[in-house]
Amino acid sequence: MDGVNRSGVYTSQPFEEERKPLTPKDAETIKLLSSIIVKTNTPHTPLAALAVIYFRSGWYAEALEMTTRALESAPKIQDVFQAVLCRAEFESSHGMKEDAERDYLKLKECQSAIPESFQSRIEALKRSLEVPLEDGVSNRIKEITLSLPGSKTPWLLHKERSQCYLYQKQYGRALLDIRRAASLAPNLYEVWEAIYFRTRYLMQKNMLKIAFKSLDELSICLDQMKESEKEKLEKLKNTLVRQNLKPKKDPIYQLASGGCKEPSQAFQARLKDFKEKEAEEKEDLLSKAISLKKKHEGSLQRLIEDLKIDTHAGPFQYYRAEALYHEGRYSEALDILNASIEDEIENPHLYFLRSCIYYSLQNLEKALEDIELALLLSPIEVKEYLHTAEIITARLEGGVYVSLDFQEEARKKLDIVKKNIFLHGESSELLFEKINLHLMLQEQEEAKKDALKLKERLSEDDPHYEKVLDILQFLNGEGTSS
């Protein structure tokens, strides 16, 4: 039971557990059964007995492991039926209908051999499986939401709830829960499946650059992963690489895909010239667009008309959409932004502005999805984006927005990153996260010092290289940030 079943619900461990203290009798029984397992030729019996005790005590990770091991060694299902029944009841109550149905069919095969005292539980299980899956997922979301305030392991709850939201196609809430799970977890390994599914979502959206970044986050916990988990990640990475090699609209890719008869060095030089020329053209367009914006600051209507100059120039279209938004002409602004996002699929400013428009239109789900994408795409954690995300979330959850102390939150996260650097070494991923946190805390000298260090380490084709250059440009006063 690993990953996500076909219903889309997360079925891997560890779950948020409801661990009750073991009674002296249970503790003694567990000790006795554990000693029998290593000596007997029929370990399925003590394993099943252990599973039942663990399920009863809310120790789900251990219970599920014991059940799996018992089934592997049992000659017949009826020999371990109690453990299978407990697992099916657990799966049904956690919205995992397909897994529960599979276990129910196992029990059905040997139902005649099961004592009468257990038949009522099997019938109750059958009735619970007749409830539509959607209701099961919605009920599980409600249970998780109620459990969150007092939970000692909230990251596990956020992780599980994100999978429920993915099943319901509420992508904004799913992305929010994944971000919360990653920020709260003591290490990323505990929530790696959530990041794995976020990467798959980004691949479906064709946001490949940020998908690579999402996948790279897990490199710091590779040494904790099982071989099967590493293989799963490697398979996804290979799929992502193949997807990235497909033809793109970008002229740079057209140039590269046209075939190259020149020596590699000459081709690289030509490609570099091409990129520099494109960057200069973009900078020139941006300057013109900013000049127009300043010129017509007092008249949005005149700005909207003047920005029709070039319908294909990104900066002009962005400022035109922004002006239309402030005029309340949301439909026109959305048309421009949707077209712009097709050409600049990983521009965080476009998603941020579209999020504001969706919020004004009371489409809170789409607003949250876009602001979460803006946060993922931004080279630094822009405080304005974070505030907007919290405002939308408060509306969705029926609460009132209360401004968060981002400095305190960032300081806690920085302490965790420093601890991980001490334990695992100063990897590029950890150093990049440390830079972001220094920026949030307005510790620009520390951020610059780390950014220069990271720049020296990275090659130009590294996914973090351009972001580090953006940050250094910002720190040197050559750019602006929200």
Foldseek 3Di string as FASTA:
>chain_A
DQFAPPLLFGDDDDAQFPADDDDPVLVVLLVVLVVVLVPDPQNLQSLLVNLLSCLVRRVNVSNVVSNVVSVVRDPACLSNLSSLLSVLVVCLQQLNLVSNVVSLVSCVVCVVVHDPVCVVSSVVSVVSSVPDSLVSLVVNLVVLVVVQVPGPQNLSSLLRNLSSCVSVVLNLSSLVSLVVSCLPDLHCVNNVSSLVVVLVVCVVVVVLLLSVVSLVSCPLCPVVDDPVVVVVSVVVVVVSVVSVLPDDPDVLSVLVVVDDPDPPVVSVVVSVVVVVVVVVVLVVLLVVLVVLCVVQVVPLVVLLVVLVPDLPRLSSLLVNLVSCVVVVVLVVSVVSLVVSCSVVVLALSSLQSNLVSCVVVVVLSSSSNSLSSSCSSALARAVVSVLSNQCSVCVVVVHHRDDDPVLVSLVVSLVSLVVSCVVRNDDLSSLSSNLRSCVVNVVLVVSLVSLVVSCVVDDPPDSCNVSSVVSNCVSVVNDDGD
